[in-house]
Amino acid sequence: MAGILYLCATPIGNLEDITFRVLDTLKNVDLIAAEDTRHSIKLLNHFQIKTKMTSYHEYNKVEKAKVLVKQLLEGKNIALVTDAGTPGISDPGEELVRQCHEAGIVVTSLPGACALINALIVSGQPTRRFCFEAFLPADKKERKEILNQLKNETRTIILYEAPHRLLRTLGELYEVLGNRKMTLCRELTKKHESVVLSTIEDLLQYHQENPPKGECVMIIEGKSMKEIKEESQEEYLKMPLSEHMDLYLKQGYTQKDAMKKTAKDRGISKREVYQQLLELKKEI
């Protein structure tokens, strides 16, 4: 009978945030797969856990996952831990989970700390709809593409960033997104936890003189639907009215429906569209 893969959430700072269930699982599985064994041994020693560990990280995730899947199929139970937080979120655990599902192995999650959720709920930003981009890509071209995609994102945006790259990222966000509300969370659950609700511009100016310390989570205001609508109207208003009407007439709309859609696009009444079209005919 195959074993089970346990995804065990570990503390993101405060060791007291670990759950009894995770501790019990780490003590009783056959093997712990850790992103960094040197880091995880501190956690295990603190709770006097003697279970054998093996390294599972970004650079060996595909081949090592095959080895771990083989052991699971042989009946071993394995716990997966990341350096901090929930495995599979912006770390190599995603690959192991995928391979386990392909092999028919049971995967279960033991919930606990997750930096993006902790940051979101204390941010003071809307929480109903959000998107998580983790760390922006290092490749300049890919990074630019992601930022441009985020430009019109209406959901609350969550990003991770290392302290030594924070200024660069804040500068890029300000350039692409403009000066939006932003909450900067640092050292979550730790002694020097910091949660600052401000703006991208103010945070950029502040950290130019005060180098940031600690891993950062950025919670950024999404673009408002009102702003998107206004920008869309501005673009349509640049288009001659007759050309705008033709756009819909060529799609098979009736004169009446084309006028209705044109009016909505331009933020004016259907009557105004009609009057302007009459004036254009008189000029001709």
Protein backbone atom coordinates (compact mmCIF):
# COMPACT_ATOMS: atom_id res chain seq x y z
CA MET A 1 0.00 0.00 0.00
CA ALA A 2 1.35 3.42 -0.97
CA GLY A 3 2.26 6.01 1.63
CA ILE A 4 0.91 9.53 2.01
CA LEU A 5 2.55 12.86 1.24
CA TYR A 6 1.89 15.36 4.04
CA LEU A 7 2.28 19.05 3.18
CA CYS A 8 3.23 20.53 6.54
CA ALA A 9 2.98 24.27 7.12
CA THR A 10 5.76 25.56 9.38
CA PRO A 11 6.10 28.94 11.15
CA ILE A 12 7.06 32.01 9.12
CA GLY A 13 8.77 33.51 12.15
CA ASN A 14 7.24 32.75 15.52
CA LEU A 15 7.86 29.08 16.37
CA GLU A 16 4.71 28.97 18.52
CA ASP A 17 2.62 29.15 15.34
CA ILE A 18 3.27 25.49 14.51
CA THR A 19 0.28 23.20 15.04
CA PHE A 20 0.09 20.10 17.25
CA ARG A 21 -0.94 18.10 14.18
CA VAL A 22 2.16 19.16 12.24
CA LEU A 23 4.42 18.30 15.17
CA ASP A 24 2.83 14.87 15.52
CA THR A 25 3.15 14.23 11.79
CA LEU A 26 6.81 15.30 11.64
CA LYS A 27 7.58 12.92 14.50
CA ASN A 28 5.82 9.93 12.97
CA VAL A 29 6.49 10.02 9.22
CA ASP A 30 9.30 7.93 7.75
CA LEU A 31 11.02 10.89 6.09
CA ILE A 32 10.94 14.69 5.99
CA ALA A 33 11.70 16.36 2.64
CA ALA A 34 12.99 19.86 3.42
CA GLU A 35 13.76 22.79 1.14
CA ASP A 36 16.88 23.53 3.22
CA THR A 37 17.86 20.86 5.76
CA ARG A 38 20.24 23.29 7.50
CA HIS A 39 17.32 25.62 8.14
CA SER A 40 14.76 22.95 9.05
CA ILE A 41 17.08 21.19 11.52
CA LYS A 42 16.73 24.21 13.80
CA LEU A 43 12.97 23.71 13.88
CA LEU A 44 13.26 19.97 14.46
CA ASN A 45 15.84 20.41 17.23
CA HIS A 46 13.65 22.99 18.96
CA PHE A 47 10.80 20.49 19.15
CA GLN A 48 13.10 17.49 19.72
CA ILE A 49 12.11 15.74 16.50
CA LYS A 50 14.56 13.06 15.34
CA THR A 51 12.97 12.04 12.01
CA LYS A 52 15.39 11.60 9.11
CA MET A 53 15.52 14.46 6.59
CA THR A 54 16.37 14.69 2.91
CA SER A 55 16.97 17.72 0.75
CA TYR A 56 14.31 18.75 -1.77
CA HIS A 57 14.83 22.13 -3.40
CA GLU A 58 14.44 24.17 -6.60
CA TYR A 59 17.55 22.74 -8.27
CA ASN A 60 16.76 19.04 -7.75
CA LYS A 61 12.95 19.19 -7.65
CA VAL A 62 12.21 17.14 -10.79
CA GLU A 63 14.63 14.25 -10.29
CA LYS A 64 14.33 14.18 -6.50
CA ALA A 65 10.55 14.14 -6.78
CA LYS A 66 10.85 10.90 -8.78
CA VAL A 67 12.91 9.39 -5.94
CA LEU A 68 10.39 10.51 -3.32
CA VAL A 69 7.46 9.20 -5.37
CA LYS A 70 9.18 5.80 -5.59
CA GLN A 71 9.58 5.73 -1.80
CA LEU A 72 5.93 6.72 -1.34
CA LEU A 73 4.83 3.93 -3.69
CA GLU A 74 6.88 1.54 -1.54
CA GLY A 75 4.75 2.52 1.46
CA LYS A 76 6.75 5.27 3.14
CA ASN A 77 4.97 8.30 4.54
CA ILE A 78 6.74 11.58 3.76
CA ALA A 79 6.29 15.10 5.14
CA LEU A 80 7.20 18.05 2.93
CA VAL A 81 8.30 21.30 4.57
CA THR A 82 9.47 24.57 3.09
CA ASP A 83 11.83 27.05 4.76
CA ALA A 84 8.85 28.92 6.19
CA GLY A 85 5.12 28.79 5.66
CA THR A 86 3.02 26.49 3.51
CA PRO A 87 4.76 24.13 1.02
CA GLY A 88 3.74 24.44 -2.62
CA ILE A 89 3.27 28.22 -2.46
CA SER A 90 6.07 29.81 -4.47
CA ASP A 91 8.41 26.88 -3.78
CA PRO A 92 9.40 23.54 -5.40
CA GLY A 93 6.72 21.54 -3.57
CA GLU A 94 4.40 22.19 -6.51
CA GLU A 95 6.38 19.71 -8.64
CA LEU A 96 6.31 16.91 -6.06
CA VAL A 97 2.55 17.32 -5.58
CA ARG A 98 2.03 17.09 -9.34
CA GLN A 99 4.06 13.92 -9.64
CA CYS A 100 2.25 12.36 -6.67
CA HIS A 101 -1.13 12.97 -8.28
CA GLU A 102 0.10 11.40 -11.53
CA ALA A 103 1.25 8.34 -9.57
CA GLY A 104 -2.04 8.03 -7.68
CA ILE A 105 -0.48 8.89 -4.31
CA VAL A 106 -2.64 10.53 -1.65
CA VAL A 107 -1.60 14.13 -0.87
CA THR A 108 -2.95 15.91 2.19
CA SER A 109 -2.37 19.39 3.58
CA LEU A 110 -1.77 20.28 7.21
CA PRO A 111 -2.73 23.98 7.38
CA GLY A 112 -0.81 26.67 9.16
CA ALA A 113 1.09 29.89 8.51
CA CYS A 114 1.12 31.38 5.00
CA ALA A 115 2.81 34.76 4.52
CA LEU A 116 0.56 35.97 1.71
CA ILE A 117 -2.64 35.33 3.72
CA ASN A 118 -1.21 36.76 6.94
CA ALA A 119 -0.16 39.91 5.08
CA LEU A 120 -3.46 40.28 3.24
CA ILE A 121 -5.67 40.11 6.32
CA VAL A 122 -3.67 42.77 8.21
CA SER A 123 -3.16 45.03 5.18
CA GLY A 124 -6.28 47.17 5.38
CA GLN A 125 -6.82 46.47 1.66
CA PRO A 126 -9.84 44.71 0.08
CA THR A 127 -9.63 40.96 0.68
CA ARG A 128 -12.60 39.55 -1.29
CA ARG A 129 -10.69 39.36 -4.59
CA PHE A 130 -6.93 39.14 -4.86
CA CYS A 131 -4.18 37.82 -7.12
CA PHE A 132 -0.81 36.45 -5.99
CA GLU A 133 2.25 36.92 -8.17
CA ALA A 134 4.91 35.79 -5.63
CA PHE A 135 8.34 37.13 -6.66
CA LEU A 136 8.50 39.02 -9.94
CA PRO A 137 10.66 37.23 -12.58
CA ALA A 138 14.37 38.09 -12.68
CA ASP A 139 14.36 38.21 -16.49
CA LYS A 140 13.84 41.84 -17.55
CA LYS A 141 11.55 41.09 -20.49
CA GLU A 142 9.35 38.68 -18.55
CA ARG A 143 9.30 41.04 -15.57
CA LYS A 144 8.09 43.90 -17.77
CA GLU A 145 5.35 41.72 -19.27
CA ILE A 146 4.04 40.75 -15.82
CA LEU A 147 4.05 44.36 -14.63
CA ASN A 148 2.15 45.46 -17.73
CA GLN A 149 -0.42 42.72 -17.11
CA LEU A 150 -0.85 43.97 -13.55
CA LYS A 151 -1.45 47.53 -14.76
CA ASN A 152 -5.17 46.89 -15.30
CA GLU A 153 -5.61 44.28 -12.57
CA THR A 154 -8.71 45.18 -10.53
CA ARG A 155 -8.06 42.69 -7.72
CA THR A 156 -5.79 43.38 -4.76
CA ILE A 157 -2.23 42.41 -5.82
CA ILE A 158 0.14 40.46 -3.57
CA LEU A 159 3.89 40.29 -4.26
CA TYR A 160 6.87 38.91 -2.34
CA GLU A 161 10.21 40.70 -2.37
CA ALA A 162 13.64 40.41 -0.78
CA PRO A 163 14.85 43.52 1.09
CA HIS A 164 17.83 44.14 -1.21
CA ARG A 165 15.53 44.30 -4.26
CA LEU A 166 12.68 46.28 -2.68
CA LEU A 167 13.72 49.73 -3.94
CA ARG A 168 14.02 48.52 -7.54
CA THR A 169 10.61 46.87 -7.40
CA LEU A 170 8.94 49.88 -5.78
CA GLY A 171 10.38 52.09 -8.53
CA GLU A 172 9.06 49.79 -11.26
CA LEU A 173 5.65 49.56 -9.62
CA TYR A 174 5.41 53.35 -9.39
CA GLU A 175 6.43 53.72 -13.04
CA VAL A 176 3.92 51.16 -14.35
CA LEU A 177 1.01 51.25 -11.89
CA GLY A 178 1.21 54.84 -10.74
CA ASN A 179 0.85 55.99 -7.15
CA ARG A 180 -1.57 53.49 -5.63
CA LYS A 181 -2.29 52.54 -2.05
CA MET A 182 0.14 49.92 -0.83
CA THR A 183 0.71 48.03 2.41
CA LEU A 184 4.26 46.89 3.08
CA CYS A 185 4.52 44.00 5.53
CA ARG A 186 7.89 42.96 6.92
CA GLU A 187 9.06 40.36 9.44
CA LEU A 188 5.54 38.97 9.90
CA THR A 189 4.94 37.20 13.25
CA LYS A 190 8.46 38.15 14.41
CA LYS A 191 9.56 40.55 17.15
CA HIS A 192 10.04 43.48 14.75
CA GLU A 193 6.91 42.90 12.65
CA SER A 194 5.98 45.95 10.60
CA VAL A 195 2.75 46.66 8.69
CA VAL A 196 2.61 50.06 6.97
CA LEU A 197 -0.39 51.19 4.89
CA SER A 198 0.78 54.06 2.67
CA THR A 199 1.35 54.66 -1.05
CA ILE A 200 3.92 53.31 -3.49
CA GLU A 201 5.52 56.76 -3.85
CA ASP A 202 5.78 57.43 -0.11
CA LEU A 203 7.21 53.98 0.60
CA LEU A 204 9.74 54.43 -2.21
CA GLN A 205 10.87 57.80 -0.82
CA TYR A 206 11.04 56.48 2.74
CA HIS A 207 13.11 53.42 1.93
CA GLN A 208 15.55 55.39 -0.20
CA GLU A 209 16.77 56.85 3.09
CA ASN A 210 15.92 53.88 5.30
CA PRO A 211 17.18 50.60 3.80
CA PRO A 212 14.58 47.88 4.41
CA LYS A 213 15.31 44.82 6.53
CA GLY A 214 13.56 41.46 6.46
CA GLU A 215 11.51 39.63 3.85
CA CYS A 216 8.70 41.76 2.44
CA VAL A 217 5.12 41.16 1.34
CA MET A 218 3.58 43.94 -0.74
CA ILE A 219 -0.21 44.34 -0.85
CA ILE A 220 -1.14 46.71 -3.67
CA GLU A 221 -4.46 48.33 -4.46
CA GLY A 222 -6.10 47.05 -7.63
CA LYS A 223 -7.17 49.44 -10.35
CA SER A 224 -10.71 50.73 -9.84
CA MET A 225 -13.41 49.85 -12.35
CA LYS A 226 -14.25 53.56 -12.48
CA GLU A 227 -10.71 54.40 -13.60
CA ILE A 228 -10.76 51.67 -16.25
CA LYS A 229 -14.09 52.95 -17.55
CA GLU A 230 -12.82 56.54 -17.70
CA GLU A 231 -9.66 55.48 -19.57
CA SER A 232 -11.75 53.45 -22.01
CA GLN A 233 -14.02 56.43 -22.63
CA GLU A 234 -11.01 58.67 -23.25
CA GLU A 235 -9.78 56.26 -25.92
CA TYR A 236 -13.17 56.10 -27.60
CA LEU A 237 -13.51 59.89 -27.55
CA LYS A 238 -10.33 60.12 -29.62
CA MET A 239 -12.16 58.20 -32.36
CA PRO A 240 -14.45 60.17 -34.75
CA LEU A 241 -18.10 59.46 -33.94
CA SER A 242 -18.91 58.19 -37.43
CA GLU A 243 -15.98 55.78 -37.28
CA HIS A 244 -17.14 54.60 -33.87
CA MET A 245 -20.62 53.90 -35.24
CA ASP A 246 -19.19 52.06 -38.24
CA LEU A 247 -17.28 49.81 -35.84
CA TYR A 248 -20.58 48.32 -34.63
CA LEU A 249 -22.49 48.54 -37.91
CA LYS A 250 -19.81 46.38 -39.56
CA GLN A 251 -20.34 43.80 -36.79
CA GLY A 252 -23.99 43.51 -37.82
CA TYR A 253 -25.61 45.72 -35.22
CA THR A 254 -28.72 47.70 -36.21
CA GLN A 255 -28.47 51.50 -36.38
CA LYS A 256 -30.35 51.75 -33.08
CA ASP A 257 -28.17 49.24 -31.22
CA ALA A 258 -24.96 50.71 -32.68
CA MET A 259 -26.00 54.13 -31.37
CA LYS A 260 -26.75 52.63 -27.96
CA LYS A 261 -23.36 50.92 -27.69
CA THR A 262 -21.51 53.97 -29.02
CA ALA A 263 -23.23 56.17 -26.44
CA LYS A 264 -22.26 53.80 -23.63
CA ASP A 265 -18.63 53.66 -24.80
CA ARG A 266 -18.36 57.44 -24.91
CA GLY A 267 -20.24 58.10 -21.66
CA ILE A 268 -22.96 60.15 -23.33
CA SER A 269 -26.68 59.69 -24.04
CA LYS A 270 -28.06 58.01 -27.16
CA ARG A 271 -29.78 61.30 -27.95
CA GLU A 272 -26.42 63.10 -27.98
CA VAL A 273 -25.06 60.53 -30.44
CA TYR A 274 -28.10 61.06 -32.65
CA GLN A 275 -27.75 64.86 -32.56
CA GLN A 276 -24.02 64.71 -33.38
CA LEU A 277 -24.67 62.37 -36.31
CA LEU A 278 -27.32 64.77 -37.63
CA GLU A 279 -24.86 67.67 -37.43
CA LEU A 280 -22.25 65.64 -39.28
CA LYS A 281 -24.73 64.94 -42.08
CA LYS A 282 -25.54 68.67 -42.35
CA GLU A 283 -21.84 69.48 -42.70
CA ILE A 284 -21.61 67.00 -45.56
